[in-house]
Amino acid sequence: MEDIIQKYKKERKIKNISLVIFSLFLAIWLNFMFSNNYSGSFILGNVNSKITWNESADLYITKIKDNIVNIKSSKSINNVKSISFSIAYNSKNIEIKNKEILLKSWEKIDLINNDWYNTLILNFKNPINISENEDIFQIVFDKKDFSKLESINLINSNITDKDNNNYLLSTSWIEI
C-alpha cells in the first residue's frame, strides 16, 4: 500500500519548486519587457539619480551658500492668514545656528524646537500675498562632517486663508 503522507509531501515539494521557478521566470520576463521599451525608462530608477522635481513643490528648499538654505514658494499664494511648516534634519551632523523669517509683517510665531525637528507657525494680523519664488524663511547651519551627504526635509506644510480654509502644501527636501 502506498504511503499517503509521503505522496503528499512529494507533491507539495514539487508544487513549491515549480512556483519558485515560475516566479523567477516571470520576474526575469517582466524585467526584460520593461527595460527594453519606452515605458520601461519611466519605471527604472537609479540610486544616484538627481531629483529635479524640487522646485515644483508648493514650498521648496534652495541652497544659497554652503551653509545657508532658504524656503521659497514656487507659486503665488494669496490672502494668507497663517502659514506653518516643519523642518526635519539629522542633528548628529547638522546644527542649526540661526533661523530668520523673511516675510514682512508676521505677528506671532509658535516654534517647536527639538534636536532634529522644528515646527514654525506664522500668523499675520492682516492677510498677506506671497509671490512666486519669494523667500519665506532662511536657515543658517553648521555641518560637522562634510564627507557625509545629509538632507534637510520640509514637511507638514499648510496655509490658512482669510476665510479660515486650511490648505495642505506640497513640500520638498534638499541634500547638502
C-alpha atoms as a PDB file:
ATOM      1  CA  MET A   1       0.000   0.000   0.000  1.00  0.00           C
ATOM      2  CA  GLU A   2       1.226   3.466  -0.897  1.00  0.00           C
ATOM      3  CA  ASP A   3       2.114   5.904   1.892  1.00  0.00           C
ATOM      4  CA  ILE A   4      -0.300   8.857   1.555  1.00  0.00           C
ATOM      5  CA  ILE A   5       1.793  11.202   3.711  1.00  0.00           C
ATOM      6  CA  GLN A   6       4.949  10.609   1.638  1.00  0.00           C
ATOM      7  CA  LYS A   7       2.987  11.168  -1.569  1.00  0.00           C
ATOM      8  CA  TYR A   8       1.512  14.434  -0.185  1.00  0.00           C
ATOM      9  CA  LYS A   9       4.976  15.722   0.870  1.00  0.00           C
ATOM     10  CA  LYS A  10       6.418  14.875  -2.556  1.00  0.00           C
ATOM     11  CA  GLU A  11       3.593  16.646  -4.427  1.00  0.00           C
ATOM     12  CA  ARG A  12       3.828  19.665  -2.104  1.00  0.00           C
ATOM     13  CA  LYS A  13       7.591  19.904  -2.685  1.00  0.00           C
ATOM     14  CA  ILE A  14       7.094  19.719  -6.463  1.00  0.00           C
ATOM     15  CA  LYS A  15       4.413  22.467  -6.317  1.00  0.00           C
ATOM     16  CA  ASN A  16       6.660  24.728  -4.224  1.00  0.00           C
ATOM     17  CA  ILE A  17       9.632  24.242  -6.532  1.00  0.00           C
ATOM     18  CA  SER A  18       7.505  24.874  -9.628  1.00  0.00           C
ATOM     19  CA  LEU A  19       6.061  28.025  -8.018  1.00  0.00           C
ATOM     20  CA  VAL A  20       9.580  29.363  -7.316  1.00  0.00           C
ATOM     21  CA  ILE A  21      10.733  28.591 -10.856  1.00  0.00           C
ATOM     22  CA  PHE A  22       7.626  30.209 -12.358  1.00  0.00           C
ATOM     23  CA  SER A  23       8.105  33.329 -10.167  1.00  0.00           C
ATOM     24  CA  LEU A  24      11.744  33.608 -11.206  1.00  0.00           C
ATOM     25  CA  PHE A  25      10.807  33.225 -14.885  1.00  0.00           C
ATOM     26  CA  LEU A  26       8.058  35.861 -14.522  1.00  0.00           C
ATOM     27  CA  ALA A  27      10.401  38.327 -12.788  1.00  0.00           C
ATOM     28  CA  ILE A  28      13.070  37.935 -15.487  1.00  0.00           C
ATOM     29  CA  TRP A  29      10.465  38.279 -18.235  1.00  0.00           C
ATOM     30  CA  LEU A  30       8.946  41.447 -16.696  1.00  0.00           C
ATOM     31  CA  ASN A  31      12.391  42.961 -16.191  1.00  0.00           C
ATOM     32  CA  PHE A  32      13.326  42.252 -19.795  1.00  0.00           C
ATOM     33  CA  MET A  33      10.000  43.543 -21.114  1.00  0.00           C
ATOM     34  CA  PHE A  34      10.103  46.849 -19.167  1.00  0.00           C
ATOM     35  CA  SER A  35      13.790  47.554 -19.605  1.00  0.00           C
ATOM     36  CA  ASN A  36      13.688  47.278 -23.393  1.00  0.00           C
ATOM     37  CA  ASN A  37      10.847  49.618 -24.265  1.00  0.00           C
ATOM     38  CA  TYR A  38       9.788  53.248 -23.891  1.00  0.00           C
ATOM     39  CA  SER A  39       7.581  52.787 -20.802  1.00  0.00           C
ATOM     40  CA  GLY A  40      10.371  50.901 -19.049  1.00  0.00           C
ATOM     41  CA  SER A  41      12.513  54.024 -18.969  1.00  0.00           C
ATOM     42  CA  PHE A  42       9.958  55.579 -16.609  1.00  0.00           C
ATOM     43  CA  ILE A  43       9.875  52.586 -14.277  1.00  0.00           C
ATOM     44  CA  LEU A  44      13.598  52.011 -13.923  1.00  0.00           C
ATOM     45  CA  GLY A  45      15.450  54.038 -11.329  1.00  0.00           C
ATOM     46  CA  ASN A  46      18.940  54.765 -10.195  1.00  0.00           C
ATOM     47  CA  VAL A  47      20.069  55.417  -6.623  1.00  0.00           C
ATOM     48  CA  ASN A  48      22.471  58.132  -7.761  1.00  0.00           C
ATOM     49  CA  SER A  49      19.953  59.978  -9.918  1.00  0.00           C
ATOM     50  CA  LYS A  50      19.395  63.715  -9.442  1.00  0.00           C
ATOM     51  CA  ILE A  51      15.926  64.742  -8.254  1.00  0.00           C
ATOM     52  CA  THR A  52      14.590  67.539 -10.449  1.00  0.00           C
ATOM     53  CA  TRP A  53      11.055  67.982  -9.105  1.00  0.00           C
ATOM     54  CA  ASN A  54      12.221  70.002  -6.113  1.00  0.00           C
ATOM     55  CA  GLU A  55      11.054  73.403  -7.355  1.00  0.00           C
ATOM     56  CA  SER A  56       7.665  72.114  -8.474  1.00  0.00           C
ATOM     57  CA  ALA A  57       6.576  71.669  -4.837  1.00  0.00           C
ATOM     58  CA  ASP A  58       4.491  74.464  -3.320  1.00  0.00           C
ATOM     59  CA  LEU A  59       7.218  75.127  -0.754  1.00  0.00           C
ATOM     60  CA  TYR A  60      10.771  74.129  -1.597  1.00  0.00           C
ATOM     61  CA  ILE A  61      14.237  74.472  -0.129  1.00  0.00           C
ATOM     62  CA  THR A  62      17.048  76.032  -2.136  1.00  0.00           C
ATOM     63  CA  LYS A  63      20.728  76.358  -1.319  1.00  0.00           C
ATOM     64  CA  ILE A  64      22.005  79.956  -1.091  1.00  0.00           C
ATOM     65  CA  LYS A  65      25.541  79.246   0.175  1.00  0.00           C
ATOM     66  CA  ASP A  66      27.325  76.185   1.550  1.00  0.00           C
ATOM     67  CA  ASN A  67      25.746  76.699   4.961  1.00  0.00           C
ATOM     68  CA  ILE A  68      22.591  78.695   4.134  1.00  0.00           C
ATOM     69  CA  VAL A  69      19.295  77.439   2.689  1.00  0.00           C
ATOM     70  CA  ASN A  70      16.072  79.330   2.011  1.00  0.00           C
ATOM     71  CA  ILE A  71      12.498  78.102   1.956  1.00  0.00           C
ATOM     72  CA  LYS A  72      10.619  79.537  -1.012  1.00  0.00           C
ATOM     73  CA  SER A  73       7.175  79.411  -2.542  1.00  0.00           C
ATOM     74  CA  SER A  74       7.006  78.094  -6.103  1.00  0.00           C
ATOM     75  CA  LYS A  75       3.584  79.660  -6.692  1.00  0.00           C
ATOM     76  CA  SER A  76       1.763  82.822  -5.717  1.00  0.00           C
ATOM     77  CA  ILE A  77      -0.364  82.309  -2.642  1.00  0.00           C
ATOM     78  CA  ASN A  78      -2.930  84.993  -1.911  1.00  0.00           C
ATOM     79  CA  ASN A  79      -4.732  86.027   1.267  1.00  0.00           C
ATOM     80  CA  VAL A  80      -2.544  84.030   3.650  1.00  0.00           C
ATOM     81  CA  LYS A  81      -3.609  84.436   7.259  1.00  0.00           C
ATOM     82  CA  SER A  82      -1.313  81.752   8.656  1.00  0.00           C
ATOM     83  CA  ILE A  83       1.467  79.540   7.331  1.00  0.00           C
ATOM     84  CA  SER A  84       3.111  76.592   9.050  1.00  0.00           C
ATOM     85  CA  PHE A  85       5.767  74.050   8.178  1.00  0.00           C
ATOM     86  CA  SER A  86       8.189  71.667   9.843  1.00  0.00           C
ATOM     87  CA  ILE A  87      11.862  71.045   9.188  1.00  0.00           C
ATOM     88  CA  ALA A  88      13.476  67.664   9.860  1.00  0.00           C
ATOM     89  CA  TYR A  89      17.231  67.012   9.740  1.00  0.00           C
ATOM     90  CA  ASN A  90      19.984  64.844  11.207  1.00  0.00           C
ATOM     91  CA  SER A  91      21.018  66.624  14.394  1.00  0.00           C
ATOM     92  CA  LYS A  92      24.097  64.419  14.773  1.00  0.00           C
ATOM     93  CA  ASN A  93      25.701  66.063  11.745  1.00  0.00           C
ATOM     94  CA  ILE A  94      23.783  69.331  11.246  1.00  0.00           C
ATOM     95  CA  GLU A  95      23.470  72.077  13.811  1.00  0.00           C
ATOM     96  CA  ILE A  96      21.116  74.961  13.078  1.00  0.00           C
ATOM     97  CA  LYS A  97      22.796  78.222  14.078  1.00  0.00           C
ATOM     98  CA  ASN A  98      20.228  80.792  13.021  1.00  0.00           C
ATOM     99  CA  LYS A  99      16.666  80.870  11.687  1.00  0.00           C
ATOM    100  CA  GLU A 100      15.226  84.025  10.175  1.00  0.00           C
ATOM    101  CA  ILE A 101      11.726  84.780   8.940  1.00  0.00           C
ATOM    102  CA  LEU A 102      11.984  86.669   5.639  1.00  0.00           C
ATOM    103  CA  LEU A 103       8.308  87.605   5.271  1.00  0.00           C
ATOM    104  CA  LYS A 104       7.246  91.021   6.475  1.00  0.00           C
ATOM    105  CA  SER A 105       4.506  91.803   8.999  1.00  0.00           C
ATOM    106  CA  TRP A 106       4.314  88.479  10.781  1.00  0.00           C
ATOM    107  CA  GLU A 107       2.543  88.751  14.070  1.00  0.00           C
ATOM    108  CA  LYS A 108       3.044  85.625  16.101  1.00  0.00           C
ATOM    109  CA  ILE A 109       5.454  82.771  15.923  1.00  0.00           C
ATOM    110  CA  ASP A 110       4.962  79.445  17.632  1.00  0.00           C
ATOM    111  CA  LEU A 111       8.079  77.339  17.441  1.00  0.00           C
ATOM    112  CA  ILE A 112       8.562  73.740  18.487  1.00  0.00           C
ATOM    113  CA  ASN A 113      12.276  73.066  18.773  1.00  0.00           C
ATOM    114  CA  ASN A 114      13.672  69.586  19.148  1.00  0.00           C
ATOM    115  CA  ASP A 115      17.168  68.442  18.292  1.00  0.00           C
ATOM    116  CA  TRP A 116      16.116  67.113  14.897  1.00  0.00           C
ATOM    117  CA  TYR A 117      12.685  68.620  14.255  1.00  0.00           C
ATOM    118  CA  ASN A 118      11.420  72.231  14.171  1.00  0.00           C
ATOM    119  CA  THR A 119       7.878  73.443  13.593  1.00  0.00           C
ATOM    120  CA  LEU A 120       7.150  77.039  12.705  1.00  0.00           C
ATOM    121  CA  ILE A 121       3.726  78.709  12.701  1.00  0.00           C
ATOM    122  CA  LEU A 122       3.418  82.291  11.461  1.00  0.00           C
ATOM    123  CA  ASN A 123       0.227  84.240  11.980  1.00  0.00           C
ATOM    124  CA  PHE A 124      -0.470  87.530  10.251  1.00  0.00           C
ATOM    125  CA  LYS A 125      -2.678  90.317  11.565  1.00  0.00           C
ATOM    126  CA  ASN A 126      -3.790  91.134   8.030  1.00  0.00           C
ATOM    127  CA  PRO A 127      -3.778  88.540   5.240  1.00  0.00           C
ATOM    128  CA  ILE A 128      -0.703  88.780   3.022  1.00  0.00           C
ATOM    129  CA  ASN A 129       0.144  87.672  -0.505  1.00  0.00           C
ATOM    130  CA  ILE A 130       3.192  85.533  -1.095  1.00  0.00           C
ATOM    131  CA  SER A 131       4.549  85.936  -4.603  1.00  0.00           C
ATOM    132  CA  GLU A 132       6.100  83.251  -6.778  1.00  0.00           C
ATOM    133  CA  ASN A 133       9.679  82.337  -5.735  1.00  0.00           C
ATOM    134  CA  GLU A 134       9.507  84.632  -2.709  1.00  0.00           C
ATOM    135  CA  ASP A 135      11.807  83.784   0.177  1.00  0.00           C
ATOM    136  CA  ILE A 136       9.873  82.831   3.299  1.00  0.00           C
ATOM    137  CA  PHE A 137      12.446  81.513   5.748  1.00  0.00           C
ATOM    138  CA  GLN A 138      16.231  81.229   5.983  1.00  0.00           C
ATOM    139  CA  ILE A 139      18.279  78.635   7.851  1.00  0.00           C
ATOM    140  CA  VAL A 140      21.963  79.041   8.683  1.00  0.00           C
ATOM    141  CA  PHE A 141      23.581  75.799   9.807  1.00  0.00           C
ATOM    142  CA  ASP A 142      26.900  74.139  10.573  1.00  0.00           C
ATOM    143  CA  LYS A 143      27.741  70.717   9.231  1.00  0.00           C
ATOM    144  CA  LYS A 144      30.111  68.664  11.375  1.00  0.00           C
ATOM    145  CA  ASP A 145      31.150  66.024   8.836  1.00  0.00           C
ATOM    146  CA  PHE A 146      31.292  67.296   5.250  1.00  0.00           C
ATOM    147  CA  SER A 147      32.069  63.849   3.864  1.00  0.00           C
ATOM    148  CA  LYS A 148      28.507  62.722   4.642  1.00  0.00           C
ATOM    149  CA  LEU A 149      25.574  63.748   2.480  1.00  0.00           C
ATOM    150  CA  GLU A 150      22.677  64.961   4.624  1.00  0.00           C
ATOM    151  CA  SER A 151      19.093  66.005   3.901  1.00  0.00           C
ATOM    152  CA  ILE A 152      17.035  68.860   5.227  1.00  0.00           C
ATOM    153  CA  ASN A 153      13.372  67.913   4.828  1.00  0.00           C
ATOM    154  CA  LEU A 154      10.454  70.305   4.687  1.00  0.00           C
ATOM    155  CA  ILE A 155       7.271  68.551   5.879  1.00  0.00           C
ATOM    156  CA  ASN A 156       3.772  69.187   7.266  1.00  0.00           C
ATOM    157  CA  SER A 157       3.246  72.420   5.401  1.00  0.00           C
ATOM    158  CA  ASN A 158      -0.083  74.216   5.203  1.00  0.00           C
ATOM    159  CA  ILE A 159      -1.680  77.632   4.986  1.00  0.00           C
ATOM    160  CA  THR A 160      -4.871  79.161   6.287  1.00  0.00           C
ATOM    161  CA  ASP A 161      -6.519  81.801   4.128  1.00  0.00           C
ATOM    162  CA  LYS A 162      -8.580  84.815   5.161  1.00  0.00           C
ATOM    163  CA  ASP A 163     -11.771  82.686   5.180  1.00  0.00           C
ATOM    164  CA  ASN A 164     -10.133  80.202   7.605  1.00  0.00           C
ATOM    165  CA  ASN A 165      -9.841  77.494   4.940  1.00  0.00           C
ATOM    166  CA  ASN A 166      -6.858  75.252   5.569  1.00  0.00           C
ATOM    167  CA  TYR A 167      -4.809  74.042   2.568  1.00  0.00           C
ATOM    168  CA  LEU A 168      -2.050  71.461   2.561  1.00  0.00           C
ATOM    169  CA  LEU A 169       1.038  72.410   0.563  1.00  0.00           C
ATOM    170  CA  SER A 170       3.401  70.061  -1.197  1.00  0.00           C
ATOM    171  CA  THR A 171       6.965  70.211   0.083  1.00  0.00           C
ATOM    172  CA  SER A 172      10.457  69.132  -0.867  1.00  0.00           C
ATOM    173  CA  TRP A 173      13.884  68.451   0.580  1.00  0.00           C
ATOM    174  CA  ILE A 174      17.476  69.252  -0.223  1.00  0.00           C
ATOM    175  CA  GLU A 175      20.716  67.320   0.087  1.00  0.00           C
ATOM    176  CA  ILE A 176      23.688  69.203   1.475  1.00  0.00           C
END
